C-alpha atoms as a PDB file:
ATOM      1  CA  MET A   1     100.234  -3.264 -67.064  1.00  0.00           C
ATOM      2  CA  SER A   2      99.833  -5.589 -70.270  1.00  0.00           C
ATOM      3  CA  ILE A   3     102.045  -8.661 -70.382  1.00  0.00           C
ATOM      4  CA  TYR A   4     101.486  -9.129 -74.011  1.00  0.00           C
ATOM      5  CA  ASN A   5     102.629  -7.285 -77.132  1.00  0.00           C
ATOM      6  CA  ILE A   6     101.153  -6.743 -80.546  1.00  0.00           C
ATOM      7  CA  GLY A   7     102.170  -9.596 -82.532  1.00  0.00           C
ATOM      8  CA  ASP A   8     102.226 -12.109 -79.735  1.00  0.00           C
ATOM      9  CA  ARG A   9     100.792 -15.542 -80.869  1.00  0.00           C
ATOM     10  CA  VAL A  10      98.099 -16.367 -78.362  1.00  0.00           C
ATOM     11  CA  GLU A  11      95.361 -19.308 -77.459  1.00  0.00           C
ATOM     12  CA  ILE A  12      91.863 -18.209 -76.229  1.00  0.00           C
ATOM     13  CA  LEU A  13      91.328 -20.100 -73.033  1.00  0.00           C
ATOM     14  CA  THR A  14      87.844 -18.993 -72.205  1.00  0.00           C
ATOM     15  CA  GLY A  15      84.518 -18.607 -73.705  1.00  0.00           C
ATOM     16  CA  ASP A  16      82.736 -20.057 -77.082  1.00  0.00           C
ATOM     17  CA  ASN A  17      86.089 -19.370 -78.945  1.00  0.00           C
ATOM     18  CA  LYS A  18      88.256 -21.608 -76.314  1.00  0.00           C
ATOM     19  CA  GLY A  19      91.147 -23.263 -78.497  1.00  0.00           C
ATOM     20  CA  PHE A  20      91.075 -20.791 -80.914  1.00  0.00           C
ATOM     21  CA  VAL A  21      94.719 -19.306 -82.081  1.00  0.00           C
ATOM     22  CA  GLY A  22      95.483 -15.868 -83.277  1.00  0.00           C
ATOM     23  CA  VAL A  23      97.890 -12.893 -83.286  1.00  0.00           C
ATOM     24  CA  ILE A  24      97.403  -9.928 -80.908  1.00  0.00           C
ATOM     25  CA  ALA A  25      96.538  -6.665 -83.428  1.00  0.00           C
ATOM     26  CA  THR A  26      96.220  -4.386 -80.211  1.00  0.00           C
ATOM     27  CA  ASN A  27      96.619  -3.990 -76.765  1.00  0.00           C
ATOM     28  CA  SER A  28      95.208  -0.778 -76.187  1.00  0.00           C
ATOM     29  CA  ARG A  29      91.416  -0.997 -76.842  1.00  0.00           C
ATOM     30  CA  GLY A  30      90.543   0.202 -73.058  1.00  0.00           C
ATOM     31  CA  ARG A  31      89.598  -1.533 -69.777  1.00  0.00           C
ATOM     32  CA  ASP A  32      86.638  -3.627 -71.052  1.00  0.00           C
ATOM     33  CA  CYS A  33      88.469  -4.727 -74.023  1.00  0.00           C
ATOM     34  CA  PRO A  34      92.331  -4.621 -73.988  1.00  0.00           C
ATOM     35  CA  TYR A  35      93.058  -7.138 -76.429  1.00  0.00           C
ATOM     36  CA  GLY A  36      92.008  -7.538 -80.044  1.00  0.00           C
ATOM     37  CA  ILE A  37      92.986 -10.797 -81.907  1.00  0.00           C
ATOM     38  CA  ASN A  38      93.462 -11.695 -85.487  1.00  0.00           C
ATOM     39  CA  LEU A  39      92.155 -15.094 -85.610  1.00  0.00           C
ATOM     40  CA  ASP A  40      93.564 -18.156 -87.850  1.00  0.00           C
ATOM     41  CA  ASP A  41      90.365 -19.099 -88.348  1.00  0.00           C
ATOM     42  CA  LYS A  42      86.482 -17.711 -88.357  1.00  0.00           C
ATOM     43  CA  ALA A  43      85.076 -17.917 -84.713  1.00  0.00           C
ATOM     44  CA  ASN A  44      82.126 -16.803 -82.710  1.00  0.00           C
ATOM     45  CA  CYS A  45      84.326 -13.720 -81.612  1.00  0.00           C
ATOM     46  CA  SER A  46      83.009 -14.098 -77.892  1.00  0.00           C
ATOM     47  CA  TYR A  47      85.178 -13.852 -74.850  1.00  0.00           C
ATOM     48  CA  GLY A  48      84.988 -14.793 -71.058  1.00  0.00           C
ATOM     49  CA  ASN A  49      81.442 -13.174 -70.197  1.00  0.00           C
ATOM     50  CA  GLY A  50      80.006 -14.860 -73.175  1.00  0.00           C
ATOM     51  CA  GLU A  51      79.194 -11.546 -74.970  1.00  0.00           C
ATOM     52  CA  ALA A  52      79.470 -11.921 -78.716  1.00  0.00           C
ATOM     53  CA  TRP A  53      81.619  -9.620 -81.229  1.00  0.00           C
ATOM     54  CA  ALA A  54      81.337 -11.043 -84.385  1.00  0.00           C
ATOM     55  CA  LYS A  55      83.952  -9.505 -86.703  1.00  0.00           C
ATOM     56  CA  LYS A  56      85.278 -11.957 -89.244  1.00  0.00           C
ATOM     57  CA  ASP A  57      88.335 -13.140 -88.328  1.00  0.00           C
ATOM     58  CA  TYR A  58      88.644 -11.041 -85.517  1.00  0.00           C
ATOM     59  CA  CYS A  59      88.008 -11.211 -81.756  1.00  0.00           C
ATOM     60  CA  ASP A  60      87.927  -8.848 -78.670  1.00  0.00           C
ATOM     61  CA  ILE A  61      89.448 -10.194 -75.603  1.00  0.00           C
ATOM     62  CA  ALA A  62      88.204  -9.065 -72.043  1.00  0.00           C
ATOM     63  CA  SER A  63      91.292  -9.925 -69.809  1.00  0.00           C
ATOM     64  CA  GLN A  64      94.829 -11.031 -70.334  1.00  0.00           C
ATOM     65  CA  SER A  65      94.084 -14.287 -68.335  1.00  0.00           C
ATOM     66  CA  ASP A  66      91.522 -15.114 -70.925  1.00  0.00           C
ATOM     67  CA  ILE A  67      94.642 -15.936 -73.276  1.00  0.00           C
ATOM     68  CA  LYS A  68      98.071 -17.494 -73.055  1.00  0.00           C
ATOM     69  CA  LEU A  69     101.167 -16.931 -74.743  1.00  0.00           C
ATOM     70  CA  ILE A  70     102.066 -19.540 -77.802  1.00  0.00           C
ATOM     71  CA  ASP A  71     105.215 -17.627 -78.900  1.00  0.00           C
ATOM     72  CA  THR A  72     106.525 -13.815 -79.266  1.00  0.00           C
ATOM     73  CA  LEU A  73     107.628 -13.526 -82.873  1.00  0.00           C
ATOM     74  CA  HIS A  74     106.187  -9.874 -82.962  1.00  0.00           C
ATOM     75  CA  ASP A  75     105.819  -9.975 -86.629  1.00  0.00           C
ATOM     76  CA  HIS A  76     104.270 -13.590 -87.026  1.00  0.00           C
ATOM     77  CA  GLY A  77     101.014 -13.505 -88.890  1.00  0.00           C
ATOM     78  CA  LEU A  78     101.124  -9.888 -89.300  1.00  0.00           C
ATOM     79  CA  LYS A  79     101.462  -8.470 -92.871  1.00  0.00           C
ATOM     80  CA  PHE A  80     101.995  -4.764 -91.471  1.00  0.00           C
ATOM     81  CA  LYS A  81     103.251  -3.524 -88.466  1.00  0.00           C
ATOM     82  CA  VAL A  82     102.949   0.117 -86.842  1.00  0.00           C
ATOM     83  CA  GLY A  83     105.654   2.475 -88.433  1.00  0.00           C
ATOM     84  CA  ASP A  84     105.381   0.880 -91.953  1.00  0.00           C
ATOM     85  CA  GLU A  85     105.129   3.445 -95.059  1.00  0.00           C
ATOM     86  CA  VAL A  86     102.280   2.125 -97.334  1.00  0.00           C
ATOM     87  CA  ARG A  87     100.756   3.089-100.674  1.00  0.00           C
ATOM     88  CA  ALA A  88      96.795   3.515-100.747  1.00  0.00           C
ATOM     89  CA  ILE A  89      95.655   1.157-103.662  1.00  0.00           C
ATOM     90  CA  ASP A  90      91.571   0.866-102.558  1.00  0.00           C
ATOM     91  CA  GLU A  91      89.593   1.500 -99.737  1.00  0.00           C
ATOM     92  CA  SER A  92      87.064  -0.246 -97.636  1.00  0.00           C
ATOM     93  CA  CYS A  93      85.817   2.782 -95.432  1.00  0.00           C
ATOM     94  CA  GLY A  94      85.929   5.422 -98.046  1.00  0.00           C
ATOM     95  CA  TRP A  95      88.800   7.675 -99.578  1.00  0.00           C
ATOM     96  CA  GLY A  96      88.151  10.784 -97.698  1.00  0.00           C
ATOM     97  CA  SER A  97      90.893  13.275 -98.635  1.00  0.00           C
ATOM     98  CA  VAL A  98      93.307  10.283 -99.511  1.00  0.00           C
ATOM     99  CA  SER A  99      93.730   9.230-103.181  1.00  0.00           C
ATOM    100  CA  LYS A 100      94.941   6.087-104.792  1.00  0.00           C
ATOM    101  CA  GLY A 101      98.433   6.131-104.729  1.00  0.00           C
ATOM    102  CA  ASP A 102      99.153   8.199-101.866  1.00  0.00           C
ATOM    103  CA  ILE A 103     101.890   7.180 -99.396  1.00  0.00           C
ATOM    104  CA  GLY A 104     101.537   7.526 -95.741  1.00  0.00           C
ATOM    105  CA  LYS A 105     102.388   5.814 -92.388  1.00  0.00           C
ATOM    106  CA  ILE A 106     100.832   3.221 -90.227  1.00  0.00           C
ATOM    107  CA  ILE A 107     100.376   4.759 -86.509  1.00  0.00           C
ATOM    108  CA  ARG A 108      97.954   1.938 -85.108  1.00  0.00           C
ATOM    109  CA  ILE A 109      96.726  -1.530 -85.936  1.00  0.00           C
ATOM    110  CA  ASP A 110      93.369  -2.822 -84.217  1.00  0.00           C
ATOM    111  CA  ASN A 111      90.643  -4.484 -86.024  1.00  0.00           C
ATOM    112  CA  ARG A 112      91.316  -1.923 -88.643  1.00  0.00           C
ATOM    113  CA  ILE A 113      94.623  -0.344 -89.981  1.00  0.00           C
ATOM    114  CA  ILE A 114      94.798   3.493 -89.160  1.00  0.00           C
ATOM    115  CA  VAL A 115      97.158   5.414 -91.522  1.00  0.00           C
ATOM    116  CA  ASP A 116      98.152   9.141 -91.259  1.00  0.00           C
ATOM    117  CA  PHE A 117      98.637  10.780 -94.850  1.00  0.00           C
ATOM    118  CA  PRO A 118      99.478  14.130 -95.695  1.00  0.00           C
ATOM    119  CA  SER A 119      96.195  14.797 -97.015  1.00  0.00           C
ATOM    120  CA  GLN A 120      94.253  13.103 -94.212  1.00  0.00           C
ATOM    121  CA  GLU A 121      95.123  12.041 -90.608  1.00  0.00           C
ATOM    122  CA  ASP A 122      93.688   8.511 -88.747  1.00  0.00           C
ATOM    123  CA  TRP A 123      92.340   7.006 -92.285  1.00  0.00           C
ATOM    124  CA  GLU A 124      90.845   3.931 -91.790  1.00  0.00           C
ATOM    125  CA  CYS A 125      91.489   0.603 -94.109  1.00  0.00           C
ATOM    126  CA  THR A 126      92.133  -3.028 -94.297  1.00  0.00           C
ATOM    127  CA  GLU A 127      95.198  -5.080 -95.450  1.00  0.00           C
ATOM    128  CA  LYS A 128      93.765  -5.195 -99.069  1.00  0.00           C
ATOM    129  CA  ASP A 129      93.421  -1.365 -99.174  1.00  0.00           C
ATOM    130  CA  ILE A 130      97.392  -0.638 -99.039  1.00  0.00           C
ATOM    131  CA  GLU A 131     100.853  -2.048 -99.749  1.00  0.00           C
ATOM    132  CA  LEU A 132     103.910  -1.927 -98.485  1.00  0.00           C
ATOM    133  CA  ILE A 133     106.577   0.559 -99.426  1.00  0.00           C
ATOM    134  CA  SER A 134     109.860  -1.002 -99.522  1.00  0.00           C
ATOM    135  CA  LYS A 135     112.863   0.944 -98.246  1.00  0.00           C
ATOM    136  CA  ASP A 136     114.378   1.230-101.830  1.00  0.00           C
ATOM    137  CA  ASP A 137     111.242   3.156-102.693  1.00  0.00           C
ATOM    138  CA  THR A 138     111.670   5.588 -99.522  1.00  0.00           C
ATOM    139  CA  LYS A 139     114.829   7.681-100.304  1.00  0.00           C
ATOM    140  CA  PHE A 140     113.484  10.902 -99.408  1.00  0.00           C
ATOM    141  CA  ARG A 141     110.818  11.585 -96.815  1.00  0.00           C
ATOM    142  CA  ILE A 142     107.874  14.231 -96.419  1.00  0.00           C
ATOM    143  CA  GLY A 143     109.512  17.096 -95.006  1.00  0.00           C
ATOM    144  CA  ASP A 144     113.062  16.740 -96.574  1.00  0.00           C
ATOM    145  CA  GLN A 145     114.829  19.665 -97.955  1.00  0.00           C
ATOM    146  CA  ILE A 146     116.076  18.654-101.166  1.00  0.00           C
ATOM    147  CA  LYS A 147     117.799  20.146-104.418  1.00  0.00           C
ATOM    148  CA  PHE A 148     117.590  19.486-108.005  1.00  0.00           C
ATOM    149  CA  LEU A 149     120.468  17.812-109.436  1.00  0.00           C
ATOM    150  CA  ASP A 150     122.986  20.379-111.031  1.00  0.00           C
ATOM    151  CA  LYS A 151     120.558  23.023-110.886  1.00  0.00           C
ATOM    152  CA  LYS A 152     120.942  26.756-109.529  1.00  0.00           C
ATOM    153  CA  SER A 153     118.930  29.957-109.104  1.00  0.00           C
ATOM    154  CA  GLY A 154     117.711  30.931-112.598  1.00  0.00           C
ATOM    155  CA  ASP A 155     117.830  27.350-114.078  1.00  0.00           C
ATOM    156  CA  ARG A 156     114.710  25.595-115.301  1.00  0.00           C
ATOM    157  CA  ILE A 157     113.664  22.704-113.451  1.00  0.00           C
ATOM    158  CA  PRO A 158     113.813  19.165-114.693  1.00  0.00           C
ATOM    159  CA  ASP A 159     111.338  17.174-116.391  1.00  0.00           C
ATOM    160  CA  PHE A 160     108.368  17.559-113.996  1.00  0.00           C
ATOM    161  CA  TYR A 161     104.919  15.682-113.511  1.00  0.00           C
ATOM    162  CA  SER A 162     101.413  17.104-112.907  1.00  0.00           C
ATOM    163  CA  ASP A 163      97.888  16.581-113.059  1.00  0.00           C
ATOM    164  CA  ASN A 164      98.416  15.943-116.766  1.00  0.00           C
ATOM    165  CA  ASP A 165     100.087  12.577-115.701  1.00  0.00           C
ATOM    166  CA  ASP A 166      97.168  11.665-113.370  1.00  0.00           C
ATOM    167  CA  ILE A 167      98.667  13.022-110.266  1.00  0.00           C
ATOM    168  CA  PRO A 168      95.493  14.442-108.310  1.00  0.00           C
ATOM    169  CA  LYS A 169      94.946  18.166-108.831  1.00  0.00           C
ATOM    170  CA  ASN A 170      94.882  18.977-105.126  1.00  0.00           C
ATOM    171  CA  LYS A 171      98.687  18.090-105.171  1.00  0.00           C
ATOM    172  CA  ILE A 172     100.060  20.406-107.902  1.00  0.00           C
ATOM    173  CA  GLN A 173     100.356  24.099-107.653  1.00  0.00           C
ATOM    174  CA  HIS A 174     101.549  25.422-111.187  1.00  0.00           C
ATOM    175  CA  GLY A 175     103.677  28.164-111.792  1.00  0.00           C
ATOM    176  CA  SER A 176     107.156  29.245-113.702  1.00  0.00           C
ATOM    177  CA  THR A 177     109.580  26.307-114.423  1.00  0.00           C
ATOM    178  CA  LEU A 178     112.543  28.911-113.636  1.00  0.00           C
ATOM    179  CA  LEU A 179     114.093  28.411-109.903  1.00  0.00           C
ATOM    180  CA  GLY A 180     113.883  31.762-107.795  1.00  0.00           C
ATOM    181  CA  ASP A 181     116.593  33.998-106.783  1.00  0.00           C
ATOM    182  CA  ASN A 182     116.465  32.308-103.368  1.00  0.00           C
ATOM    183  CA  TYR A 183     116.578  29.017-104.491  1.00  0.00           C
ATOM    184  CA  ASP A 184     120.671  28.607-103.972  1.00  0.00           C
ATOM    185  CA  THR A 185     119.994  28.873 -99.876  1.00  0.00           C
ATOM    186  CA  ASP A 186     116.538  27.808 -99.600  1.00  0.00           C
ATOM    187  CA  PHE A 187     116.441  24.805-102.009  1.00  0.00           C
ATOM    188  CA  ALA A 188     113.230  23.114-102.175  1.00  0.00           C
ATOM    189  CA  PHE A 189     110.964  20.790 -99.810  1.00  0.00           C
ATOM    190  CA  ILE A 190     109.422  17.377-100.539  1.00  0.00           C
ATOM    191  CA  VAL A 191     105.637  17.991 -99.382  1.00  0.00           C
ATOM    192  CA  ASP A 192     103.736  14.790-100.504  1.00  0.00           C
ATOM    193  CA  ARG A 193     104.255  11.511-102.139  1.00  0.00           C
ATOM    194  CA  TYR A 194     102.161   9.796-105.187  1.00  0.00           C
ATOM    195  CA  ASN A 195     103.092   6.685-106.539  1.00  0.00           C
ATOM    196  CA  GLU A 196     106.722   6.950-107.547  1.00  0.00           C
ATOM    197  CA  TYR A 197     106.359  10.707-107.665  1.00  0.00           C
ATOM    198  CA  TYR A 198     107.844  13.173-105.073  1.00  0.00           C
ATOM    199  CA  ILE A 199     105.898  16.340-104.672  1.00  0.00           C
ATOM    200  CA  VAL A 200     108.316  18.888-104.308  1.00  0.00           C
ATOM    201  CA  GLU A 201     107.363  22.620-103.694  1.00  0.00           C
ATOM    202  CA  TYR A 202     110.044  25.333-104.648  1.00  0.00           C
ATOM    203  CA  LYS A 203     109.616  29.181-105.278  1.00  0.00           C
ATOM    204  CA  ASP A 204     109.951  30.160-108.778  1.00  0.00           C
ATOM    205  CA  ASP A 205     111.306  33.202-110.621  1.00  0.00           C
ATOM    206  CA  ASN A 206     107.863  35.332-109.478  1.00  0.00           C
ATOM    207  CA  ASN A 207     108.534  34.443-105.799  1.00  0.00           C
ATOM    208  CA  VAL A 208     105.360  32.178-105.928  1.00  0.00           C
ATOM    209  CA  TYR A 209     105.404  28.580-104.479  1.00  0.00           C
ATOM    210  CA  VAL A 210     105.146  25.640-107.089  1.00  0.00           C
ATOM    211  CA  GLN A 211     103.970  22.261-106.198  1.00  0.00           C
ATOM    212  CA  LEU A 212     105.183  19.541-109.135  1.00  0.00           C
ATOM    213  CA  GLY A 213     106.050  15.888-109.310  1.00  0.00           C
ATOM    214  CA  PHE A 214     109.541  14.592-109.616  1.00  0.00           C
ATOM    215  CA  LYS A 215     111.277  11.220-109.909  1.00  0.00           C
ATOM    216  CA  ALA A 216     113.924  10.210-107.143  1.00  0.00           C
ATOM    217  CA  GLU A 217     116.581  10.351-109.855  1.00  0.00           C
ATOM    218  CA  ASP A 218     116.254  14.076-110.505  1.00  0.00           C
ATOM    219  CA  LEU A 219     116.632  15.130-106.784  1.00  0.00           C
ATOM    220  CA  ALA A 220     119.463  15.197-104.315  1.00  0.00           C
ATOM    221  CA  LEU A 221     118.928  15.352-100.286  1.00  0.00           C
ATOM    222  CA  VAL A 222     120.030  18.691 -98.336  1.00  0.00           C
ATOM    223  CA  ASN A 223     118.726  18.304 -95.092  1.00  0.00           C
ATOM    224  CA  ARG A 224     116.667  15.087 -93.686  1.00  0.00           C
ATOM    225  CA  LYS A 225     113.535  16.106 -92.086  1.00  0.00           C
ATOM    226  CA  ASP A 226     114.500  15.103 -88.546  1.00  0.00           C
ATOM    227  CA  GLU A 227     118.167  16.215 -88.918  1.00  0.00           C
ATOM    228  CA  GLY A 228     120.061  19.635 -89.354  1.00  0.00           C
ATOM    229  CA  LYS A 229     119.921  22.971 -88.206  1.00  0.00           C
ATOM    230  CA  ASP A 230     117.105  24.433 -90.064  1.00  0.00           C
ATOM    231  CA  GLU A 231     114.141  22.562 -88.200  1.00  0.00           C
ATOM    232  CA  TYR A 232     112.141  25.728 -87.295  1.00  0.00           C
ATOM    233  CA  GLN A 233     112.090  26.952 -90.885  1.00  0.00           C
ATOM    234  CA  LYS A 234     111.284  23.514 -91.965  1.00  0.00           C
ATOM    235  CA  ASP A 235     108.485  23.421 -89.768  1.00  0.00           C
ATOM    236  CA  ASN A 236     107.191  26.604 -90.420  1.00  0.00           C
ATOM    237  CA  HIS A 237     107.460  25.987 -94.226  1.00  0.00           C
ATOM    238  CA  SER A 238     105.235  22.902 -93.781  1.00  0.00           C
ATOM    239  CA  ALA A 239     102.532  24.198 -91.885  1.00  0.00           C
ATOM    240  CA  GLU A 240     102.349  27.181 -94.493  1.00  0.00           C
ATOM    241  CA  SER A 241     102.124  24.653 -97.270  1.00  0.00           C
ATOM    242  CA  LYS A 242      99.445  22.583 -95.303  1.00  0.00           C
ATOM    243  CA  LEU A 243      97.256  25.355 -94.808  1.00  0.00           C
ATOM    244  CA  LYS A 244      97.948  26.735 -98.418  1.00  0.00           C
ATOM    245  CA  THR A 245      96.599  23.328 -99.928  1.00  0.00           C
ATOM    246  CA  MET A 246      93.739  23.251 -97.511  1.00  0.00           C
ATOM    247  CA  LEU A 247      92.499  26.614 -98.740  1.00  0.00           C
ATOM    248  CA  GLN A 248      93.345  25.859-102.490  1.00  0.00           C
ATOM    249  CA  THR A 249      91.217  22.429-102.232  1.00  0.00           C
ATOM    250  CA  ILE A 250      87.868  24.151-101.015  1.00  0.00           C
ATOM    251  CA  PRO A 251      85.357  24.420-103.946  1.00  0.00           C
ATOM    252  CA  LYS A 252      84.817  28.162-104.597  1.00  0.00           C
ATOM    253  CA  THR A 253      81.082  27.968-104.940  1.00  0.00           C
ATOM    254  CA  LEU A 254      81.131  27.194-101.058  1.00  0.00           C
ATOM    255  CA  LYS A 255      83.983  29.338 -99.838  1.00  0.00           C
ATOM    256  CA  ARG A 256      82.029  32.469 -98.815  1.00  0.00           C
ATOM    257  CA  VAL A 257      79.485  30.351 -96.773  1.00  0.00           C
ATOM    258  CA  LEU A 258      82.149  28.137 -94.925  1.00  0.00           C
ATOM    259  CA  SER A 259      82.848  30.344 -91.769  1.00  0.00           C
ATOM    260  CA  SER A 260      82.874  33.350 -90.025  1.00  0.00           C
ATOM    261  CA  ASP A 261      86.409  32.867 -89.354  1.00  0.00           C
ATOM    262  CA  LEU A 262      87.324  32.997 -93.040  1.00  0.00           C
ATOM    263  CA  ARG A 263      85.371  36.254 -93.678  1.00  0.00           C
ATOM    264  CA  LYS A 264      87.216  37.798 -90.848  1.00  0.00           C
ATOM    265  CA  GLN A 265      90.482  37.047 -92.250  1.00  0.00           C
ATOM    266  CA  TYR A 266      89.231  37.947 -95.827  1.00  0.00           C
ATOM    267  CA  LYS A 267      88.139  41.489 -94.283  1.00  0.00           C
ATOM    268  CA  ALA A 268      91.353  42.084 -92.576  1.00  0.00           C
ATOM    269  CA  GLY A 269      93.286  41.189 -95.934  1.00  0.00           C
ATOM    270  CA  LEU A 270      94.856  38.280 -94.680  1.00  0.00           C
ATOM    271  CA  ILE A 271      93.411  35.883 -97.629  1.00  0.00           C
ATOM    272  CA  ASN A 272      92.194  37.119-100.949  1.00  0.00           C
ATOM    273  CA  GLY A 273      88.801  36.235-102.648  1.00  0.00           C
ATOM    274  CA  ASP A 274      89.891  32.623-103.683  1.00  0.00           C
ATOM    275  CA  LEU A 275      90.730  32.162 -99.768  1.00  0.00           C
ATOM    276  CA  GLU A 276      94.506  31.921-100.664  1.00  0.00           C
ATOM    277  CA  LEU A 277      96.799  33.632 -98.192  1.00  0.00           C
ATOM    278  CA  THR A 278      97.885  37.014 -99.341  1.00  0.00           C
ATOM    279  CA  GLU A 279     101.557  38.553 -98.736  1.00  0.00           C
ATOM    280  CA  LYS A 280     100.322  40.057 -95.562  1.00  0.00           C
ATOM    281  CA  GLY A 281      98.694  36.856 -94.442  1.00  0.00           C
ATOM    282  CA  ARG A 282     101.563  34.813 -94.861  1.00  0.00           C
ATOM    283  CA  ILE A 283     103.854  37.057 -93.158  1.00  0.00           C
ATOM    284  CA  GLU A 284     101.699  36.967 -90.201  1.00  0.00           C
ATOM    285  CA  MET A 285     101.124  33.420 -90.103  1.00  0.00           C
ATOM    286  CA  LEU A 286     104.718  32.829 -90.131  1.00  0.00           C
ATOM    287  CA  ASP A 287     105.134  35.357 -87.421  1.00  0.00           C
ATOM    288  CA  ILE A 288     102.296  33.306 -85.486  1.00  0.00           C
ATOM    289  CA  LEU A 289     103.778  30.074 -85.857  1.00  0.00           C
ATOM    290  CA  SER A 290     107.201  31.346 -84.403  1.00  0.00           C
ATOM    291  CA  GLN A 291     105.500  32.379 -81.085  1.00  0.00           C
ATOM    292  CA  GLN A 292     104.029  29.816 -78.886  1.00  0.00           C
ATOM    293  CA  GLU A 293     101.551  31.716 -77.037  1.00  0.00           C
ATOM    294  CA  VAL A 294     100.350  33.566 -80.376  1.00  0.00           C
ATOM    295  CA  VAL A 295      99.686  30.119 -81.998  1.00  0.00           C
ATOM    296  CA  LYS A 296      97.102  29.385 -79.322  1.00  0.00           C
ATOM    297  CA  LYS A 297      95.125  32.537 -80.040  1.00  0.00           C
ATOM    298  CA  GLY A 298      95.380  31.770 -83.925  1.00  0.00           C
ATOM    299  CA  LEU A 299      95.251  33.766 -87.020  1.00  0.00           C
ATOM    300  CA  THR A 300      91.381  34.526 -86.588  1.00  0.00           C
ATOM    301  CA  LYS A 301      92.298  36.312 -83.404  1.00  0.00           C
ATOM    302  CA  TYR A 302      94.689  38.355 -85.009  1.00  0.00           C
ATOM    303  CA  ALA A 303      92.334  39.341 -87.641  1.00  0.00           C
ATOM    304  CA  GLU A 304      90.070  40.297 -85.188  1.00  0.00           C
ATOM    305  CA  GLN A 305      92.150  42.862 -83.623  1.00  0.00           C
ATOM    306  CA  LEU A 306      92.932  44.403 -87.170  1.00  0.00           C
ATOM    307  CA  ILE A 307      88.907  44.913 -87.793  1.00  0.00           C
ATOM    308  CA  LYS A 308      88.711  46.365 -84.439  1.00  0.00           C
ATOM    309  CA  LYS A 309      91.614  48.581 -85.025  1.00  0.00           C
ATOM    310  CA  ASP A 310      90.180  49.970 -88.608  1.00  0.00           C
ATOM    311  CA  LYS A 311      86.735  50.384 -86.893  1.00  0.00           C
ATOM    312  CA  LYS A 312      88.560  52.778 -84.642  1.00  0.00           C
ATOM    313  CA  GLU A 313      90.340  54.755 -86.987  1.00  0.00           C
ATOM    314  CA  ASN A 314      87.294  54.979 -89.285  1.00  0.00           C
ATOM    315  CA  ASN A 315      85.118  56.289 -86.394  1.00  0.00           C
END
């Protein structure tokens, strides 16, 4: 069991780096290297058995007996900590599905910082690639149910921001600016963040989901993500939104050669030629999400059943 914590300031007692001081960045790197230390000065980055690990100002330590505690100021020397909300401003390991300005949460810190974003989990970066989001900048969270100030069903939404305002296109879904008939009961949801913009999803007067950017001053909280009585509804909505966004970002020239699963779903009428969920697919997906056992089988399994049924009827 570890006797040290992330953020503890320690001195190295063995190996070529004896006498070097740093802050523990991770204590969960496995049995061979349980500790990773951000050093105050560059070192040879070796530990007890003399094996070298050159990593700039970072060093792996094999055993807790190879270090001694100096102080327990767990935030000492660390610019970020696990749980911090941060904004992507640069990349050292590739952008992946993340865009500059995206906001996510730090889930792990070792020799790199690992951040979960709505568009990509386990994004690797360094300190220079992110900036801390202040508490004043996080009035709403992704997943929050919100409403537009002084708006009701049939009203036009307030001023919005889209890809014309440099928000990445994959975060935007255009549609009508009139709120749908169910807005007074369903309201809207925060589905993403980009710089100062909250990406809000609502149903328009054509019963179509729309995703646009809004500023905090135009929004009011209805239900916090981890509060309220409608957690099941919000979880389903979030899952549907993520799947829809994923399908919408696939280049059309590649869609028909991606997988047999998608072809089966298309043939069964669950998705259309653009790989967007049909109304039938949307209803079935929500039904799947509400049943734990069916979730394990997935939408593809249901598509196979539909195809098999159609073959019997046609024979």
